[in-house]
Structures are given as structure tokens and as C-alpha cells.
Amino acid sequence: MHHDVLQHPGEMDITSHVHFDVLKLIGEKYSLNFMQKMRQDEFLLAAGILEELADHNDPNPFSAESKRNRAIRSLILPGGISQSFDVVVQTKGLDHTSGKLF
């Protein structure tokens, strides 16, 4: 068993169940403002992940750009893994009266 789960990034699953209601309450205790809970794919789109897609004309499906673009698409396509994960956005000291996430 590993005691330092960050010792080997990307090599082990650190997925955990999170009780978001408790997370929200603890955040409020430390003056965090709950903004939104959303699916991971929705969060990534709102955060601008599409801007990370690389323009390229390389027909090689194994090029670095092709691999990166496939990885990004796999996170946001309907039925993808990101629909199974949630993100909670909390803020502190930010003006969020506009209602916009970013």
C-alpha cells in the first residue's frame, strides 16, 4: 500500500466518493461561497477546454497533436467518462454577481 498517493502521478487511481453537501458546509465554515455543482464535462467546456485543441494537418493519428485532441474530445463527448464525475466550484474574495463561472 502506498501512503503518498501523489508520489507516482498518473500511475494510480485516486478516485474517491465525495459528499458534496459536507464539502459545501465546510467551505462555508471557511468563508467559501458555493457557486455551482456541475458535471465534469460541463465544467471543462465552461473553463475553455476547446481552446486547448491543436490545429494540425498531420494525417498521423499517433502524432502528439492527434493524441492530445482525442484525449480532450474523450473528456467532453456525450457518454464519456466526464459525465460520471462532478465538480464543485467555490470562491473566496471574488465578485461572482455576474453569475458567470469564468
PDB file of N, CA and C in Angstrom:
ATOM      1  N   MET A   1       0.839  -1.184   0.000  1.00  0.00           N
ATOM      2  CA  MET A   1       0.000   0.000   0.000  1.00  0.00           C
ATOM      3  C   MET A   1       0.881   1.244   0.000  1.00  0.00           C
ATOM      4  N   HIS A   2       0.477   2.234  -0.788  1.00  0.00           N
ATOM      5  CA  HIS A   2       1.216   3.488  -0.860  1.00  0.00           C
ATOM      6  C   HIS A   2       0.582   4.498   0.091  1.00  0.00           C
ATOM      7  N   HIS A   3       1.406   5.172   0.846  1.00  0.00           N
ATOM      8  CA  HIS A   3       0.897   6.186   1.771  1.00  0.00           C
ATOM      9  C   HIS A   3       0.939   7.582   1.158  1.00  0.00           C
ATOM     10  N   ASP A   4       1.762   7.777   0.149  1.00  0.00           N
ATOM     11  CA  ASP A   4       1.837   9.064  -0.538  1.00  0.00           C
ATOM     12  C   ASP A   4       1.261   8.874  -1.932  1.00  0.00           C
ATOM     13  N   VAL A   5      -0.048   9.135  -2.080  1.00  0.00           N
ATOM     14  CA  VAL A   5      -0.719   8.860  -3.350  1.00  0.00           C
ATOM     15  C   VAL A   5      -0.254   9.775  -4.472  1.00  0.00           C
ATOM     16  N   LEU A   6       0.440  10.850  -4.150  1.00  0.00           N
ATOM     17  CA  LEU A   6       0.922  11.759  -5.183  1.00  0.00           C
ATOM     18  C   LEU A   6       2.366  11.473  -5.579  1.00  0.00           C
ATOM     19  N   GLN A   7       2.943  10.421  -5.018  1.00  0.00           N
ATOM     20  CA  GLN A   7       4.327  10.077  -5.311  1.00  0.00           C
ATOM     21  C   GLN A   7       4.512   9.643  -6.770  1.00  0.00           C
ATOM     22  N   HIS A   8       3.511   8.999  -7.354  1.00  0.00           N
ATOM     23  CA  HIS A   8       3.590   8.499  -8.730  1.00  0.00           C
ATOM     24  C   HIS A   8       2.394   9.018  -9.525  1.00  0.00           C
ATOM     25  N   PRO A   9       2.399  10.308  -9.905  1.00  0.00           N
ATOM     26  CA  PRO A   9       1.236  10.883 -10.591  1.00  0.00           C
ATOM     27  C   PRO A   9       0.908  10.161 -11.889  1.00  0.00           C
ATOM     28  N   GLY A  10      -0.372   9.899 -12.070  1.00  0.00           N
ATOM     29  CA  GLY A  10      -0.844   9.251 -13.284  1.00  0.00           C
ATOM     30  C   GLY A  10      -0.711   7.751 -13.285  1.00  0.00           C
ATOM     31  N   GLU A  11      -0.129   7.182 -12.243  1.00  0.00           N
ATOM     32  CA  GLU A  11       0.104   5.744 -12.211  1.00  0.00           C
ATOM     33  C   GLU A  11      -0.842   5.003 -11.267  1.00  0.00           C
ATOM     34  N   MET A  12      -1.645   5.738 -10.517  1.00  0.00           N
ATOM     35  CA  MET A  12      -2.575   5.058  -9.623  1.00  0.00           C
ATOM     36  C   MET A  12      -3.882   5.825  -9.538  1.00  0.00           C
ATOM     37  N   ASP A  13      -4.951   5.088  -9.352  1.00  0.00           N
ATOM     38  CA  ASP A  13      -6.282   5.670  -9.273  1.00  0.00           C
ATOM     39  C   ASP A  13      -6.498   6.238  -7.879  1.00  0.00           C
ATOM     40  N   ILE A  14      -6.838   7.520  -7.807  1.00  0.00           N
ATOM     41  CA  ILE A  14      -7.111   8.138  -6.508  1.00  0.00           C
ATOM     42  C   ILE A  14      -8.570   8.604  -6.441  1.00  0.00           C
ATOM     43  N   THR A  15      -9.412   7.948  -7.269  1.00  0.00           N
ATOM     44  CA  THR A  15     -10.836   8.269  -7.276  1.00  0.00           C
ATOM     45  C   THR A  15     -11.424   8.043  -5.886  1.00  0.00           C
ATOM     46  N   SER A  16     -12.289   8.938  -5.484  1.00  0.00           N
ATOM     47  CA  SER A  16     -12.907   8.843  -4.178  1.00  0.00           C
ATOM     48  C   SER A  16     -14.331   9.378  -4.256  1.00  0.00           C
ATOM     49  N   HIS A  17     -15.174   8.895  -3.381  1.00  0.00           N
ATOM     50  CA  HIS A  17     -16.523   9.435  -3.280  1.00  0.00           C
ATOM     51  C   HIS A  17     -16.465  10.677  -2.394  1.00  0.00           C
ATOM     52  N   VAL A  18     -17.145  11.716  -2.823  1.00  0.00           N
ATOM     53  CA  VAL A  18     -17.146  12.973  -2.080  1.00  0.00           C
ATOM     54  C   VAL A  18     -18.582  13.310  -1.711  1.00  0.00           C
ATOM     55  N   HIS A  19     -18.793  13.648  -0.457  1.00  0.00           N
ATOM     56  CA  HIS A  19     -20.106  14.100  -0.007  1.00  0.00           C
ATOM     57  C   HIS A  19     -20.132  15.617  -0.220  1.00  0.00           C
ATOM     58  N   PHE A  20     -20.733  16.023  -1.334  1.00  0.00           N
ATOM     59  CA  PHE A  20     -20.693  17.431  -1.719  1.00  0.00           C
ATOM     60  C   PHE A  20     -21.430  18.332  -0.740  1.00  0.00           C
ATOM     61  N   ASP A  21     -22.463  17.801  -0.091  1.00  0.00           N
ATOM     62  CA  ASP A  21     -23.161  18.634   0.898  1.00  0.00           C
ATOM     63  C   ASP A  21     -22.243  18.971   2.062  1.00  0.00           C
ATOM     64  N   VAL A  22     -21.430  18.026   2.496  1.00  0.00           N
ATOM     65  CA  VAL A  22     -20.479  18.272   3.575  1.00  0.00           C
ATOM     66  C   VAL A  22     -19.368  19.207   3.100  1.00  0.00           C
ATOM     67  N   LEU A  23     -18.896  18.996   1.881  1.00  0.00           N
ATOM     68  CA  LEU A  23     -17.872  19.871   1.315  1.00  0.00           C
ATOM     69  C   LEU A  23     -18.362  21.315   1.280  1.00  0.00           C
ATOM     70  N   LYS A  24     -19.612  21.501   0.881  1.00  0.00           N
ATOM     71  CA  LYS A  24     -20.191  22.844   0.829  1.00  0.00           C
ATOM     72  C   LYS A  24     -20.260  23.463   2.227  1.00  0.00           C
ATOM     73  N   LEU A  25     -20.679  22.692   3.211  1.00  0.00           N
ATOM     74  CA  LEU A  25     -20.761  23.198   4.589  1.00  0.00           C
ATOM     75  C   LEU A  25     -19.394  23.564   5.148  1.00  0.00           C
ATOM     76  N   ILE A  26     -18.406  22.732   4.893  1.00  0.00           N
ATOM     77  CA  ILE A  26     -17.052  23.030   5.371  1.00  0.00           C
ATOM     78  C   ILE A  26     -16.516  24.277   4.670  1.00  0.00           C
ATOM     79  N   GLY A  27     -16.805  24.397   3.382  1.00  0.00           N
ATOM     80  CA  GLY A  27     -16.396  25.592   2.652  1.00  0.00           C
ATOM     81  C   GLY A  27     -17.006  26.844   3.245  1.00  0.00           C
ATOM     82  N   GLU A  28     -18.281  26.781   3.585  1.00  0.00           N
ATOM     83  CA  GLU A  28     -18.956  27.934   4.196  1.00  0.00           C
ATOM     84  C   GLU A  28     -18.316  28.292   5.535  1.00  0.00           C
ATOM     85  N   LYS A  29     -17.898  27.271   6.268  1.00  0.00           N
ATOM     86  CA  LYS A  29     -17.234  27.497   7.556  1.00  0.00           C
ATOM     87  C   LYS A  29     -15.957  28.331   7.375  1.00  0.00           C
ATOM     88  N   TYR A  30     -15.302  28.165   6.222  1.00  0.00           N
ATOM     89  CA  TYR A  30     -14.066  28.892   5.940  1.00  0.00           C
ATOM     90  C   TYR A  30     -14.288  30.028   4.946  1.00  0.00           C
ATOM     91  N   SER A  31     -15.500  30.548   4.911  1.00  0.00           N
ATOM     92  CA  SER A  31     -15.876  31.722   4.107  1.00  0.00           C
ATOM     93  C   SER A  31     -15.778  31.495   2.604  1.00  0.00           C
ATOM     94  N   LEU A  32     -15.958  30.259   2.165  1.00  0.00           N
ATOM     95  CA  LEU A  32     -16.022  29.985   0.733  1.00  0.00           C
ATOM     96  C   LEU A  32     -17.472  30.108   0.289  1.00  0.00           C
ATOM     97  N   ASN A  33     -17.665  30.700  -0.873  1.00  0.00           N
ATOM     98  CA  ASN A  33     -19.005  30.848  -1.428  1.00  0.00           C
ATOM     99  C   ASN A  33     -19.243  29.747  -2.453  1.00  0.00           C
ATOM    100  N   PHE A  34     -20.305  28.979  -2.237  1.00  0.00           N
ATOM    101  CA  PHE A  34     -20.668  27.947  -3.203  1.00  0.00           C
ATOM    102  C   PHE A  34     -21.210  28.622  -4.453  1.00  0.00           C
ATOM    103  N   MET A  35     -20.615  28.301  -5.588  1.00  0.00           N
ATOM    104  CA  MET A  35     -21.095  28.869  -6.850  1.00  0.00           C
ATOM    105  C   MET A  35     -21.942  27.876  -7.615  1.00  0.00           C
ATOM    106  N   GLN A  36     -21.394  26.675  -7.799  1.00  0.00           N
ATOM    107  CA  GLN A  36     -22.077  25.760  -8.686  1.00  0.00           C
ATOM    108  C   GLN A  36     -21.539  24.346  -8.538  1.00  0.00           C
ATOM    109  N   LYS A  37     -22.421  23.392  -8.746  1.00  0.00           N
ATOM    110  CA  LYS A  37     -22.022  21.985  -8.881  1.00  0.00           C
ATOM    111  C   LYS A  37     -22.444  21.575 -10.284  1.00  0.00           C
ATOM    112  N   MET A  38     -21.535  20.962 -11.014  1.00  0.00           N
ATOM    113  CA  MET A  38     -21.828  20.570 -12.387  1.00  0.00           C
ATOM    114  C   MET A  38     -21.046  19.324 -12.752  1.00  0.00           C
ATOM    115  N   ARG A  39     -21.462  18.701 -13.845  1.00  0.00           N
ATOM    116  CA  ARG A  39     -20.703  17.555 -14.336  1.00  0.00           C
ATOM    117  C   ARG A  39     -19.342  18.034 -14.827  1.00  0.00           C
ATOM    118  N   GLN A  40     -18.366  17.136 -14.805  1.00  0.00           N
ATOM    119  CA  GLN A  40     -17.010  17.492 -15.207  1.00  0.00           C
ATOM    120  C   GLN A  40     -16.954  17.967 -16.655  1.00  0.00           C
ATOM    121  N   ASP A  41     -17.709  17.345 -17.561  1.00  0.00           N
ATOM    122  CA  ASP A  41     -17.667  17.773 -18.960  1.00  0.00           C
ATOM    123  C   ASP A  41     -18.197  19.192 -19.111  1.00  0.00           C
ATOM    124  N   GLU A  42     -19.246  19.542 -18.384  1.00  0.00           N
ATOM    125  CA  GLU A  42     -19.782  20.900 -18.420  1.00  0.00           C
ATOM    126  C   GLU A  42     -18.757  21.898 -17.879  1.00  0.00           C
ATOM    127  N   PHE A  43     -18.092  21.528 -16.796  1.00  0.00           N
ATOM    128  CA  PHE A  43     -17.063  22.385 -16.209  1.00  0.00           C
ATOM    129  C   PHE A  43     -15.921  22.624 -17.201  1.00  0.00           C
ATOM    130  N   LEU A  44     -15.450  21.555 -17.831  1.00  0.00           N
ATOM    131  CA  LEU A  44     -14.334  21.681 -18.765  1.00  0.00           C
ATOM    132  C   LEU A  44     -14.696  22.576 -19.948  1.00  0.00           C
ATOM    133  N   LEU A  45     -15.922  22.451 -20.448  1.00  0.00           N
ATOM    134  CA  LEU A  45     -16.356  23.318 -21.547  1.00  0.00           C
ATOM    135  C   LEU A  45     -16.425  24.772 -21.089  1.00  0.00           C
ATOM    136  N   ALA A  46     -16.969  24.994 -19.891  1.00  0.00           N
ATOM    137  CA  ALA A  46     -17.054  26.357 -19.357  1.00  0.00           C
ATOM    138  C   ALA A  46     -15.662  26.943 -19.113  1.00  0.00           C
ATOM    139  N   ALA A  47     -14.711  26.087 -18.775  1.00  0.00           N
ATOM    140  CA  ALA A  47     -13.351  26.545 -18.498  1.00  0.00           C
ATOM    141  C   ALA A  47     -12.548  26.784 -19.782  1.00  0.00           C
ATOM    142  N   GLY A  48     -13.110  26.412 -20.936  1.00  0.00           N
ATOM    143  CA  GLY A  48     -12.442  26.698 -22.194  1.00  0.00           C
ATOM    144  C   GLY A  48     -11.555  25.591 -22.734  1.00  0.00           C
ATOM    145  N   ILE A  49     -11.879  24.352 -22.427  1.00  0.00           N
ATOM    146  CA  ILE A  49     -11.019  23.251 -22.877  1.00  0.00           C
ATOM    147  C   ILE A  49     -10.924  23.167 -24.404  1.00  0.00           C
ATOM    148  N   LEU A  50     -11.952  23.639 -25.108  1.00  0.00           N
ATOM    149  CA  LEU A  50     -11.902  23.571 -26.574  1.00  0.00           C
ATOM    150  C   LEU A  50     -10.767  24.427 -27.142  1.00  0.00           C
ATOM    151  N   GLU A  51     -10.376  25.441 -26.403  1.00  0.00           N
ATOM    152  CA  GLU A  51      -9.259  26.282 -26.835  1.00  0.00           C
ATOM    153  C   GLU A  51      -7.926  25.531 -26.786  1.00  0.00           C
ATOM    154  N   GLU A  52      -7.904  24.402 -26.104  1.00  0.00           N
ATOM    155  CA  GLU A  52      -6.681  23.605 -25.988  1.00  0.00           C
ATOM    156  C   GLU A  52      -6.513  22.634 -27.154  1.00  0.00           C
ATOM    157  N   LEU A  53      -7.542  22.507 -28.011  1.00  0.00           N
ATOM    158  CA  LEU A  53      -7.410  21.642 -29.187  1.00  0.00           C
ATOM    159  C   LEU A  53      -6.352  22.226 -30.113  1.00  0.00           C
ATOM    160  N   ALA A  54      -5.526  21.371 -30.673  1.00  0.00           N
ATOM    161  CA  ALA A  54      -4.427  21.820 -31.532  1.00  0.00           C
ATOM    162  C   ALA A  54      -4.825  21.747 -32.999  1.00  0.00           C
ATOM    163  N   ASP A  55      -4.615  22.842 -33.717  1.00  0.00           N
ATOM    164  CA  ASP A  55      -4.778  22.831 -35.169  1.00  0.00           C
ATOM    165  C   ASP A  55      -3.575  22.111 -35.762  1.00  0.00           C
ATOM    166  N   HIS A  56      -3.856  21.153 -36.632  1.00  0.00           N
ATOM    167  CA  HIS A  56      -2.736  20.476 -37.298  1.00  0.00           C
ATOM    168  C   HIS A  56      -3.246  19.798 -38.562  1.00  0.00           C
ATOM    169  N   ASN A  57      -2.365  19.550 -39.473  1.00  0.00           N
ATOM    170  CA  ASN A  57      -2.689  18.872 -40.729  1.00  0.00           C
ATOM    171  C   ASN A  57      -1.978  17.534 -40.831  1.00  0.00           C
ATOM    172  N   ASP A  58      -1.485  17.044 -39.732  1.00  0.00           N
ATOM    173  CA  ASP A  58      -0.737  15.791 -39.720  1.00  0.00           C
ATOM    174  C   ASP A  58      -1.716  14.622 -39.853  1.00  0.00           C
ATOM    175  N   PRO A  59      -1.606  13.824 -40.904  1.00  0.00           N
ATOM    176  CA  PRO A  59      -2.517  12.686 -41.069  1.00  0.00           C
ATOM    177  C   PRO A  59      -2.206  11.525 -40.116  1.00  0.00           C
ATOM    178  N   ASN A  60      -1.100  11.618 -39.408  1.00  0.00           N
ATOM    179  CA  ASN A  60      -0.692  10.554 -38.494  1.00  0.00           C
ATOM    180  C   ASN A  60      -1.583  10.575 -37.254  1.00  0.00           C
ATOM    181  N   PRO A  61      -2.418   9.541 -37.049  1.00  0.00           N
ATOM    182  CA  PRO A  61      -3.297   9.523 -35.887  1.00  0.00           C
ATOM    183  C   PRO A  61      -2.552   9.333 -34.560  1.00  0.00           C
ATOM    184  N   PHE A  62      -1.254   9.034 -34.642  1.00  0.00           N
ATOM    185  CA  PHE A  62      -0.467   8.827 -33.433  1.00  0.00           C
ATOM    186  C   PHE A  62       0.449  10.015 -33.117  1.00  0.00           C
ATOM    187  N   SER A  63       0.298  11.099 -33.858  1.00  0.00           N
ATOM    188  CA  SER A  63       1.106  12.284 -33.572  1.00  0.00           C
ATOM    189  C   SER A  63       0.679  12.851 -32.218  1.00  0.00           C
ATOM    190  N   ALA A  64       1.551  13.624 -31.625  1.00  0.00           N
ATOM    191  CA  ALA A  64       1.252  14.211 -30.309  1.00  0.00           C
ATOM    192  C   ALA A  64      -0.018  15.055 -30.357  1.00  0.00           C
ATOM    193  N   GLU A  65      -0.190  15.820 -31.439  1.00  0.00           N
ATOM    194  CA  GLU A  65      -1.379  16.681 -31.554  1.00  0.00           C
ATOM    195  C   GLU A  65      -2.651  15.852 -31.658  1.00  0.00           C
ATOM    196  N   SER A  66      -2.606  14.786 -32.453  1.00  0.00           N
ATOM    197  CA  SER A  66      -3.780  13.918 -32.613  1.00  0.00           C
ATOM    198  C   SER A  66      -4.147  13.252 -31.289  1.00  0.00           C
ATOM    199  N   LYS A  67      -3.138  12.770 -30.582  1.00  0.00           N
ATOM    200  CA  LYS A  67      -3.390  12.124 -29.289  1.00  0.00           C
ATOM    201  C   LYS A  67      -4.004  13.109 -28.298  1.00  0.00           C
ATOM    202  N   ARG A  68      -3.461  14.309 -28.268  1.00  0.00           N
ATOM    203  CA  ARG A  68      -3.974  15.335 -27.350  1.00  0.00           C
ATOM    204  C   ARG A  68      -5.422  15.692 -27.686  1.00  0.00           C
ATOM    205  N   ASN A  69      -5.708  15.888 -28.966  1.00  0.00           N
ATOM    206  CA  ASN A  69      -7.068  16.228 -29.374  1.00  0.00           C
ATOM    207  C   ASN A  69      -8.053  15.112 -29.035  1.00  0.00           C
ATOM    208  N   ARG A  70      -7.643  13.850 -29.243  1.00  0.00           N
ATOM    209  CA  ARG A  70      -8.514  12.726 -28.882  1.00  0.00           C
ATOM    210  C   ARG A  70      -8.768  12.691 -27.378  1.00  0.00           C
ATOM    211  N   ALA A  71      -7.733  12.951 -26.602  1.00  0.00           N
ATOM    212  CA  ALA A  71      -7.892  12.943 -25.138  1.00  0.00           C
ATOM    213  C   ALA A  71      -8.876  14.027 -24.704  1.00  0.00           C
ATOM    214  N   ILE A  72      -8.758  15.203 -25.283  1.00  0.00           N
ATOM    215  CA  ILE A  72      -9.669  16.300 -24.937  1.00  0.00           C
ATOM    216  C   ILE A  72     -11.089  15.936 -25.339  1.00  0.00           C
ATOM    217  N   ARG A  73     -11.267  15.434 -26.552  1.00  0.00           N
ATOM    218  CA  ARG A  73     -12.615  15.063 -27.006  1.00  0.00           C
ATOM    219  C   ARG A  73     -13.216  13.973 -26.130  1.00  0.00           C
ATOM    220  N   SER A  74     -12.387  13.030 -25.687  1.00  0.00           N
ATOM    221  CA  SER A  74     -12.922  11.942 -24.858  1.00  0.00           C
ATOM    222  C   SER A  74     -13.472  12.457 -23.528  1.00  0.00           C
ATOM    223  N   LEU A  75     -12.994  13.617 -23.101  1.00  0.00           N
ATOM    224  CA  LEU A  75     -13.476  14.195 -21.845  1.00  0.00           C
ATOM    225  C   LEU A  75     -14.800  14.931 -21.991  1.00  0.00           C
ATOM    226  N   ILE A  76     -15.166  15.300 -23.208  1.00  0.00           N
ATOM    227  CA  ILE A  76     -16.360  16.137 -23.365  1.00  0.00           C
ATOM    228  C   ILE A  76     -17.448  15.528 -24.238  1.00  0.00           C
ATOM    229  N   LEU A  77     -17.167  14.432 -24.931  1.00  0.00           N
ATOM    230  CA  LEU A  77     -18.184  13.830 -25.787  1.00  0.00           C
ATOM    231  C   LEU A  77     -19.298  13.205 -24.957  1.00  0.00           C
ATOM    232  N   PRO A  78     -20.537  13.264 -25.451  1.00  0.00           N
ATOM    233  CA  PRO A  78     -21.659  12.637 -24.730  1.00  0.00           C
ATOM    234  C   PRO A  78     -21.375  11.162 -24.467  1.00  0.00           C
ATOM    235  N   GLY A  79     -21.709  10.732 -23.286  1.00  0.00           N
ATOM    236  CA  GLY A  79     -21.469   9.353 -22.888  1.00  0.00           C
ATOM    237  C   GLY A  79     -20.050   9.100 -22.420  1.00  0.00           C
ATOM    238  N   GLY A  80     -19.220  10.127 -22.399  1.00  0.00           N
ATOM    239  CA  GLY A  80     -17.836   9.971 -21.968  1.00  0.00           C
ATOM    240  C   GLY A  80     -17.716   9.890 -20.457  1.00  0.00           C
ATOM    241  N   ILE A  81     -16.521   9.624 -20.011  1.00  0.00           N
ATOM    242  CA  ILE A  81     -16.267   9.421 -18.583  1.00  0.00           C
ATOM    243  C   ILE A  81     -16.567  10.656 -17.746  1.00  0.00           C
ATOM    244  N   SER A  82     -16.434  11.838 -18.332  1.00  0.00           N
ATOM    245  CA  SER A  82     -16.652  13.068 -17.563  1.00  0.00           C
ATOM    246  C   SER A  82     -18.092  13.249 -17.123  1.00  0.00           C
ATOM    247  N   GLN A  83     -19.009  12.528 -17.737  1.00  0.00           N
ATOM    248  CA  GLN A  83     -20.395  12.616 -17.303  1.00  0.00           C
ATOM    249  C   GLN A  83     -20.620  11.861 -15.996  1.00  0.00           C
ATOM    250  N   SER A  84     -19.630  11.107 -15.574  1.00  0.00           N
ATOM    251  CA  SER A  84     -19.735  10.346 -14.331  1.00  0.00           C
ATOM    252  C   SER A  84     -19.111  11.062 -13.141  1.00  0.00           C
ATOM    253  N   PHE A  85     -18.484  12.215 -13.385  1.00  0.00           N
ATOM    254  CA  PHE A  85     -17.806  12.942 -12.322  1.00  0.00           C
ATOM    255  C   PHE A  85     -18.384  14.340 -12.188  1.00  0.00           C
ATOM    256  N   ASP A  86     -18.387  14.840 -10.961  1.00  0.00           N
ATOM    257  CA  ASP A  86     -18.904  16.172 -10.679  1.00  0.00           C
ATOM    258  C   ASP A  86     -17.796  17.084 -10.184  1.00  0.00           C
ATOM    259  N   VAL A  87     -18.031  18.375 -10.362  1.00  0.00           N
ATOM    260  CA  VAL A  87     -17.108  19.411  -9.916  1.00  0.00           C
ATOM    261  C   VAL A  87     -17.898  20.408  -9.094  1.00  0.00           C
ATOM    262  N   VAL A  88     -17.353  20.801  -7.959  1.00  0.00           N
ATOM    263  CA  VAL A  88     -17.953  21.857  -7.154  1.00  0.00           C
ATOM    264  C   VAL A  88     -17.035  23.067  -7.251  1.00  0.00           C
ATOM    265  N   VAL A  89     -17.627  24.206  -7.569  1.00  0.00           N
ATOM    266  CA  VAL A  89     -16.867  25.444  -7.664  1.00  0.00           C
ATOM    267  C   VAL A  89     -17.223  26.299  -6.464  1.00  0.00           C
ATOM    268  N   GLN A  90     -16.200  26.647  -5.684  1.00  0.00           N
ATOM    269  CA  GLN A  90     -16.351  27.530  -4.536  1.00  0.00           C
ATOM    270  C   GLN A  90     -15.375  28.683  -4.722  1.00  0.00           C
ATOM    271  N   THR A  91     -15.768  29.846  -4.256  1.00  0.00           N
ATOM    272  CA  THR A  91     -14.907  31.011  -4.412  1.00  0.00           C
ATOM    273  C   THR A  91     -14.692  31.695  -3.069  1.00  0.00           C
ATOM    274  N   LYS A  92     -13.665  32.522  -3.049  1.00  0.00           N
ATOM    275  CA  LYS A  92     -13.407  33.342  -1.869  1.00  0.00           C
ATOM    276  C   LYS A  92     -12.799  34.651  -2.347  1.00  0.00           C
ATOM    277  N   GLY A  93     -13.455  35.728  -2.013  1.00  0.00           N
ATOM    278  CA  GLY A  93     -12.928  37.038  -2.359  1.00  0.00           C
ATOM    279  C   GLY A  93     -13.102  37.424  -3.814  1.00  0.00           C
ATOM    280  N   LEU A  94     -13.980  36.741  -4.531  1.00  0.00           N
ATOM    281  CA  LEU A  94     -14.227  37.074  -5.938  1.00  0.00           C
ATOM    282  C   LEU A  94     -15.624  37.626  -6.094  1.00  0.00           C
ATOM    283  N   ASP A  95     -15.761  38.550  -7.024  1.00  0.00           N
ATOM    284  CA  ASP A  95     -17.087  39.090  -7.331  1.00  0.00           C
ATOM    285  C   ASP A  95     -17.754  38.135  -8.306  1.00  0.00           C
ATOM    286  N   HIS A  96     -18.756  37.430  -7.830  1.00  0.00           N
ATOM    287  CA  HIS A  96     -19.445  36.491  -8.705  1.00  0.00           C
ATOM    288  C   HIS A  96     -20.903  36.894  -8.935  1.00  0.00           C
ATOM    289  N   THR A  97     -21.150  38.197  -8.866  1.00  0.00           N
ATOM    290  CA  THR A  97     -22.519  38.683  -9.065  1.00  0.00           C
ATOM    291  C   THR A  97     -22.958  38.587 -10.519  1.00  0.00           C
ATOM    292  N   SER A  98     -22.010  38.426 -11.439  1.00  0.00           N
ATOM    293  CA  SER A  98     -22.380  38.326 -12.855  1.00  0.00           C
ATOM    294  C   SER A  98     -23.061  37.003 -13.157  1.00  0.00           C
ATOM    295  N   GLY A  99     -22.898  36.015 -12.276  1.00  0.00           N
ATOM    296  CA  GLY A  99     -23.474  34.717 -12.500  1.00  0.00           C
ATOM    297  C   GLY A  99     -22.651  33.836 -13.430  1.00  0.00           C
ATOM    298  N   LYS A 100     -21.584  34.378 -13.986  1.00  0.00           N
ATOM    299  CA  LYS A 100     -20.727  33.610 -14.880  1.00  0.00           C
ATOM    300  C   LYS A 100     -19.689  32.861 -14.063  1.00  0.00           C
ATOM    301  N   LEU A 101     -19.395  31.669 -14.514  1.00  0.00           N
ATOM    302  CA  LEU A 101     -18.408  30.851 -13.829  1.00  0.00           C
ATOM    303  C   LEU A 101     -16.997  31.397 -14.045  1.00  0.00           C
ATOM    304  N   PHE A 102     -16.672  31.766 -15.280  1.00  0.00           N
ATOM    305  CA  PHE A 102     -15.335  32.262 -15.603  1.00  0.00           C
ATOM    306  C   PHE A 102     -15.433  33.575 -16.313  1.00  0.00           C
TER     307      PHE A 102
END
